[in-house]
Amino acid sequence: MQYKVVEIANVTDEEIEKILNQWTAEGWTFDTMHFAMRESSKRPSMAFLTFTRDDG
């Protein structure tokens, strides 16, 4: 199994959609999404999306 981690610095719904569509179109399967938060903001400062795909 292969893993792909994509970091998003500009966390918007449009950017998340773009990344999800880009990597799933290339054969990767979405796995998880994690957010890094700032103490001074309610919005995430970064997001990390992970994808997987079979080696074969």
PDB file of N, CA and C in Angstrom:
ATOM      1  N   MET A   1       0.845  -1.173   0.000  1.00  0.00           N
ATOM      2  CA  MET A   1       0.000   0.000   0.000  1.00  0.00           C
ATOM      3  C   MET A   1       0.891   1.238   0.000  1.00  0.00           C
ATOM      4  N   GLN A   2       0.485   2.236  -0.745  1.00  0.00           N
ATOM      5  CA  GLN A   2       1.184   3.519  -0.787  1.00  0.00           C
ATOM      6  C   GLN A   2       0.338   4.575  -0.094  1.00  0.00           C
ATOM      7  N   TYR A   3       1.015   5.542   0.495  1.00  0.00           N
ATOM      8  CA  TYR A   3       0.343   6.652   1.172  1.00  0.00           C
ATOM      9  C   TYR A   3       0.775   7.965   0.552  1.00  0.00           C
ATOM     10  N   LYS A   4      -0.133   8.929   0.509  1.00  0.00           N
ATOM     11  CA  LYS A   4       0.144  10.281   0.019  1.00  0.00           C
ATOM     12  C   LYS A   4      -0.391  11.237   1.068  1.00  0.00           C
ATOM     13  N   VAL A   5       0.428  12.200   1.501  1.00  0.00           N
ATOM     14  CA  VAL A   5      -0.001  13.239   2.437  1.00  0.00           C
ATOM     15  C   VAL A   5       0.103  14.572   1.718  1.00  0.00           C
ATOM     16  N   VAL A   6      -0.989  15.324   1.712  1.00  0.00           N
ATOM     17  CA  VAL A   6      -1.022  16.624   1.053  1.00  0.00           C
ATOM     18  C   VAL A   6      -1.292  17.687   2.108  1.00  0.00           C
ATOM     19  N   GLU A   7      -0.424  18.698   2.151  1.00  0.00           N
ATOM     20  CA  GLU A   7      -0.557  19.808   3.092  1.00  0.00           C
ATOM     21  C   GLU A   7      -1.250  20.973   2.394  1.00  0.00           C
ATOM     22  N   ILE A   8      -2.244  21.539   3.065  1.00  0.00           N
ATOM     23  CA  ILE A   8      -2.946  22.709   2.536  1.00  0.00           C
ATOM     24  C   ILE A   8      -2.713  23.867   3.494  1.00  0.00           C
ATOM     25  N   ALA A   9      -2.097  24.945   2.999  1.00  0.00           N
ATOM     26  CA  ALA A   9      -1.837  26.121   3.834  1.00  0.00           C
ATOM     27  C   ALA A   9      -2.992  27.116   3.759  1.00  0.00           C
ATOM     28  N   ASN A  10      -3.697  27.136   2.635  1.00  0.00           N
ATOM     29  CA  ASN A  10      -4.840  28.031   2.455  1.00  0.00           C
ATOM     30  C   ASN A  10      -6.109  27.190   2.590  1.00  0.00           C
ATOM     31  N   VAL A  11      -6.600  27.038   3.820  1.00  0.00           N
ATOM     32  CA  VAL A  11      -7.690  26.103   4.101  1.00  0.00           C
ATOM     33  C   VAL A  11      -9.040  26.752   3.797  1.00  0.00           C
ATOM     34  N   THR A  12      -9.543  26.460   2.604  1.00  0.00           N
ATOM     35  CA  THR A  12     -10.878  26.901   2.196  1.00  0.00           C
ATOM     36  C   THR A  12     -11.607  25.698   1.618  1.00  0.00           C
ATOM     37  N   ASP A  13     -12.920  25.796   1.524  1.00  0.00           N
ATOM     38  CA  ASP A  13     -13.668  24.680   0.941  1.00  0.00           C
ATOM     39  C   ASP A  13     -13.264  24.449  -0.510  1.00  0.00           C
ATOM     40  N   GLU A  14     -12.992  25.527  -1.242  1.00  0.00           N
ATOM     41  CA  GLU A  14     -12.591  25.390  -2.640  1.00  0.00           C
ATOM     42  C   GLU A  14     -11.255  24.656  -2.768  1.00  0.00           C
ATOM     43  N   GLU A  15     -10.303  24.991  -1.898  1.00  0.00           N
ATOM     44  CA  GLU A  15      -8.985  24.346  -1.959  1.00  0.00           C
ATOM     45  C   GLU A  15      -9.078  22.873  -1.566  1.00  0.00           C
ATOM     46  N   ILE A  16      -9.873  22.562  -0.550  1.00  0.00           N
ATOM     47  CA  ILE A  16     -10.056  21.164  -0.143  1.00  0.00           C
ATOM     48  C   ILE A  16     -10.697  20.367  -1.272  1.00  0.00           C
ATOM     49  N   GLU A  17     -11.728  20.920  -1.906  1.00  0.00           N
ATOM     50  CA  GLU A  17     -12.372  20.248  -3.045  1.00  0.00           C
ATOM     51  C   GLU A  17     -11.385  20.016  -4.175  1.00  0.00           C
ATOM     52  N   LYS A  18     -10.578  21.027  -4.475  1.00  0.00           N
ATOM     53  CA  LYS A  18      -9.596  20.921  -5.557  1.00  0.00           C
ATOM     54  C   LYS A  18      -8.623  19.773  -5.301  1.00  0.00           C
ATOM     55  N   ILE A  19      -8.095  19.696  -4.080  1.00  0.00           N
ATOM     56  CA  ILE A  19      -7.139  18.644  -3.730  1.00  0.00           C
ATOM     57  C   ILE A  19      -7.809  17.269  -3.764  1.00  0.00           C
ATOM     58  N   LEU A  20      -9.017  17.161  -3.194  1.00  0.00           N
ATOM     59  CA  LEU A  20      -9.731  15.879  -3.216  1.00  0.00           C
ATOM     60  C   LEU A  20      -9.976  15.409  -4.644  1.00  0.00           C
ATOM     61  N   ASN A  21     -10.452  16.290  -5.505  1.00  0.00           N
ATOM     62  CA  ASN A  21     -10.737  15.920  -6.892  1.00  0.00           C
ATOM     63  C   ASN A  21      -9.465  15.582  -7.660  1.00  0.00           C
ATOM     64  N   GLN A  22      -8.402  16.329  -7.415  1.00  0.00           N
ATOM     65  CA  GLN A  22      -7.137  16.102  -8.119  1.00  0.00           C
ATOM     66  C   GLN A  22      -6.570  14.719  -7.821  1.00  0.00           C
ATOM     67  N   TRP A  23      -6.453  14.378  -6.544  1.00  0.00           N
ATOM     68  CA  TRP A  23      -5.785  13.127  -6.189  1.00  0.00           C
ATOM     69  C   TRP A  23      -6.676  11.907  -6.390  1.00  0.00           C
ATOM     70  N   THR A  24      -7.979  12.022  -6.203  1.00  0.00           N
ATOM     71  CA  THR A  24      -8.844  10.868  -6.481  1.00  0.00           C
ATOM     72  C   THR A  24      -8.905  10.591  -7.979  1.00  0.00           C
ATOM     73  N   ALA A  25      -8.808  11.628  -8.807  1.00  0.00           N
ATOM     74  CA  ALA A  25      -8.775  11.426 -10.257  1.00  0.00           C
ATOM     75  C   ALA A  25      -7.508  10.687 -10.687  1.00  0.00           C
ATOM     76  N   GLU A  26      -6.455  10.789  -9.889  1.00  0.00           N
ATOM     77  CA  GLU A  26      -5.201  10.096 -10.189  1.00  0.00           C
ATOM     78  C   GLU A  26      -5.143   8.693  -9.589  1.00  0.00           C
ATOM     79  N   GLY A  27      -6.272   8.220  -9.051  1.00  0.00           N
ATOM     80  CA  GLY A  27      -6.340   6.846  -8.560  1.00  0.00           C
ATOM     81  C   GLY A  27      -6.113   6.676  -7.071  1.00  0.00           C
ATOM     82  N   TRP A  28      -5.958   7.765  -6.333  1.00  0.00           N
ATOM     83  CA  TRP A  28      -5.776   7.694  -4.882  1.00  0.00           C
ATOM     84  C   TRP A  28      -7.134   7.675  -4.204  1.00  0.00           C
ATOM     85  N   THR A  29      -7.230   7.004  -3.060  1.00  0.00           N
ATOM     86  CA  THR A  29      -8.454   6.933  -2.268  1.00  0.00           C
ATOM     87  C   THR A  29      -8.291   7.810  -1.037  1.00  0.00           C
ATOM     88  N   PHE A  30      -9.243   8.732  -0.831  1.00  0.00           N
ATOM     89  CA  PHE A  30      -9.179   9.616   0.334  1.00  0.00           C
ATOM     90  C   PHE A  30      -9.257   8.788   1.607  1.00  0.00           C
ATOM     91  N   ASP A  31      -8.410   9.127   2.589  1.00  0.00           N
ATOM     92  CA  ASP A  31      -8.368   8.399   3.851  1.00  0.00           C
ATOM     93  C   ASP A  31      -8.782   9.296   5.014  1.00  0.00           C
ATOM     94  N   THR A  32      -8.013  10.334   5.311  1.00  0.00           N
ATOM     95  CA  THR A  32      -8.327  11.189   6.465  1.00  0.00           C
ATOM     96  C   THR A  32      -7.993  12.650   6.184  1.00  0.00           C
ATOM     97  N   MET A  33      -8.549  13.525   7.035  1.00  0.00           N
ATOM     98  CA  MET A  33      -8.246  14.947   6.995  1.00  0.00           C
ATOM     99  C   MET A  33      -8.026  15.416   8.430  1.00  0.00           C
ATOM    100  N   HIS A  34      -6.917  16.106   8.657  1.00  0.00           N
ATOM    101  CA  HIS A  34      -6.598  16.640   9.984  1.00  0.00           C
ATOM    102  C   HIS A  34      -6.324  18.129   9.859  1.00  0.00           C
ATOM    103  N   PHE A  35      -6.746  18.881  10.863  1.00  0.00           N
ATOM    104  CA  PHE A  35      -6.562  20.326  10.863  1.00  0.00           C
ATOM    105  C   PHE A  35      -5.591  20.747  11.950  1.00  0.00           C
ATOM    106  N   ALA A  36      -4.759  21.742  11.642  1.00  0.00           N
ATOM    107  CA  ALA A  36      -3.896  22.391  12.632  1.00  0.00           C
ATOM    108  C   ALA A  36      -4.537  23.741  12.938  1.00  0.00           C
ATOM    109  N   MET A  37      -4.786  23.973  14.216  1.00  0.00           N
ATOM    110  CA  MET A  37      -5.506  25.181  14.632  1.00  0.00           C
ATOM    111  C   MET A  37      -4.553  26.196  15.256  1.00  0.00           C
ATOM    112  N   ARG A  38      -4.921  27.462  15.134  1.00  0.00           N
ATOM    113  CA  ARG A  38      -4.249  28.547  15.854  1.00  0.00           C
ATOM    114  C   ARG A  38      -5.057  28.854  17.097  1.00  0.00           C
ATOM    115  N   GLU A  39      -4.392  29.240  18.155  1.00  0.00           N
ATOM    116  CA  GLU A  39      -5.111  29.600  19.380  1.00  0.00           C
ATOM    117  C   GLU A  39      -5.952  30.852  19.191  1.00  0.00           C
ATOM    118  N   SER A  40      -5.488  31.772  18.354  1.00  0.00           N
ATOM    119  CA  SER A  40      -6.151  33.067  18.202  1.00  0.00           C
ATOM    120  C   SER A  40      -7.255  33.066  17.145  1.00  0.00           C
ATOM    121  N   SER A  41      -7.520  31.928  16.520  1.00  0.00           N
ATOM    122  CA  SER A  41      -8.492  31.891  15.428  1.00  0.00           C
ATOM    123  C   SER A  41      -9.364  30.645  15.529  1.00  0.00           C
ATOM    124  N   LYS A  42     -10.582  30.780  15.058  1.00  0.00           N
ATOM    125  CA  LYS A  42     -11.476  29.617  15.004  1.00  0.00           C
ATOM    126  C   LYS A  42     -11.302  28.833  13.706  1.00  0.00           C
ATOM    127  N   ARG A  43     -10.601  29.425  12.737  1.00  0.00           N
ATOM    128  CA  ARG A  43     -10.354  28.754  11.456  1.00  0.00           C
ATOM    129  C   ARG A  43      -9.033  27.997  11.512  1.00  0.00           C
ATOM    130  N   PRO A  44      -8.955  26.860  10.847  1.00  0.00           N
ATOM    131  CA  PRO A  44      -7.691  26.119  10.836  1.00  0.00           C
ATOM    132  C   PRO A  44      -6.616  26.867  10.051  1.00  0.00           C
ATOM    133  N   SER A  45      -5.389  26.753  10.511  1.00  0.00           N
ATOM    134  CA  SER A  45      -4.280  27.395   9.808  1.00  0.00           C
ATOM    135  C   SER A  45      -3.708  26.485   8.724  1.00  0.00           C
ATOM    136  N   MET A  46      -3.867  25.179   8.883  1.00  0.00           N
ATOM    137  CA  MET A  46      -3.400  24.212   7.893  1.00  0.00           C
ATOM    138  C   MET A  46      -4.287  22.977   7.937  1.00  0.00           C
ATOM    139  N   ALA A  47      -4.259  22.238   6.838  1.00  0.00           N
ATOM    140  CA  ALA A  47      -4.960  20.957   6.787  1.00  0.00           C
ATOM    141  C   ALA A  47      -4.029  19.933   6.142  1.00  0.00           C
ATOM    142  N   PHE A  48      -4.150  18.706   6.590  1.00  0.00           N
ATOM    143  CA  PHE A  48      -3.380  17.600   6.028  1.00  0.00           C
ATOM    144  C   PHE A  48      -4.364  16.530   5.579  1.00  0.00           C
ATOM    145  N   LEU A  49      -4.357  16.220   4.297  1.00  0.00           N
ATOM    146  CA  LEU A  49      -5.215  15.188   3.731  1.00  0.00           C
ATOM    147  C   LEU A  49      -4.349  13.985   3.407  1.00  0.00           C
ATOM    148  N   THR A  50      -4.812  12.804   3.777  1.00  0.00           N
ATOM    149  CA  THR A  50      -4.074  11.591   3.443  1.00  0.00           C
ATOM    150  C   THR A  50      -4.889  10.741   2.478  1.00  0.00           C
ATOM    151  N   PHE A  51      -4.166  10.124   1.563  1.00  0.00           N
ATOM    152  CA  PHE A  51      -4.745   9.264   0.542  1.00  0.00           C
ATOM    153  C   PHE A  51      -3.959   7.959   0.525  1.00  0.00           C
ATOM    154  N   THR A  52      -4.597   6.907   0.042  1.00  0.00           N
ATOM    155  CA  THR A  52      -3.932   5.611  -0.101  1.00  0.00           C
ATOM    156  C   THR A  52      -4.220   5.039  -1.481  1.00  0.00           C
ATOM    157  N   ARG A  53      -3.373   4.091  -1.888  1.00  0.00           N
ATOM    158  CA  ARG A  53      -3.649   3.279  -3.080  1.00  0.00           C
ATOM    159  C   ARG A  53      -2.823   2.016  -3.006  1.00  0.00           C
ATOM    160  N   ASP A  54      -3.315   0.991  -3.667  1.00  0.00           N
ATOM    161  CA  ASP A  54      -2.620  -0.296  -3.686  1.00  0.00           C
ATOM    162  C   ASP A  54      -1.363  -0.199  -4.539  1.00  0.00           C
ATOM    163  N   ASP A  55      -0.362  -0.965  -4.177  1.00  0.00           N
ATOM    164  CA  ASP A  55       0.892  -0.993  -4.937  1.00  0.00           C
ATOM    165  C   ASP A  55       0.697  -1.578  -6.333  1.00  0.00           C
ATOM    166  N   GLY A  56      -0.189  -2.547  -6.437  1.00  0.00           N
ATOM    167  CA  GLY A  56      -0.329  -3.291  -7.679  1.00  0.00           C
ATOM    168  C   GLY A  56      -1.151  -2.634  -8.682  1.00  0.00           C
TER     169      GLY A  56
END
